[in-house]
Amino acid sequence: MQIEVNKQSYFLHFIREEGRWLLFKPTRSGMEAVAVVDDGGPLLFPDEIEVDSDPEVVN
């Protein structure tokens, strides 16, 4: 999933074999992977996440 925060693009990827999410961000030397910290909530797989068909846009 590609997201943009403060005009910076990021790519969020779930590694099913490891059961964790990684956030990739571009740097001058290439892509840097950052592990997403588990906040103790239930583990959701990408196909289990509900997507709002009419999301509210907040600027």
Foldseek 3Di string as FASTA:
>chain_A
DWDADPNFIWDWDADVVVLFIWIWGADPVGIDIDTDDDPPDDRDDPVRDDDDPDDDDDD
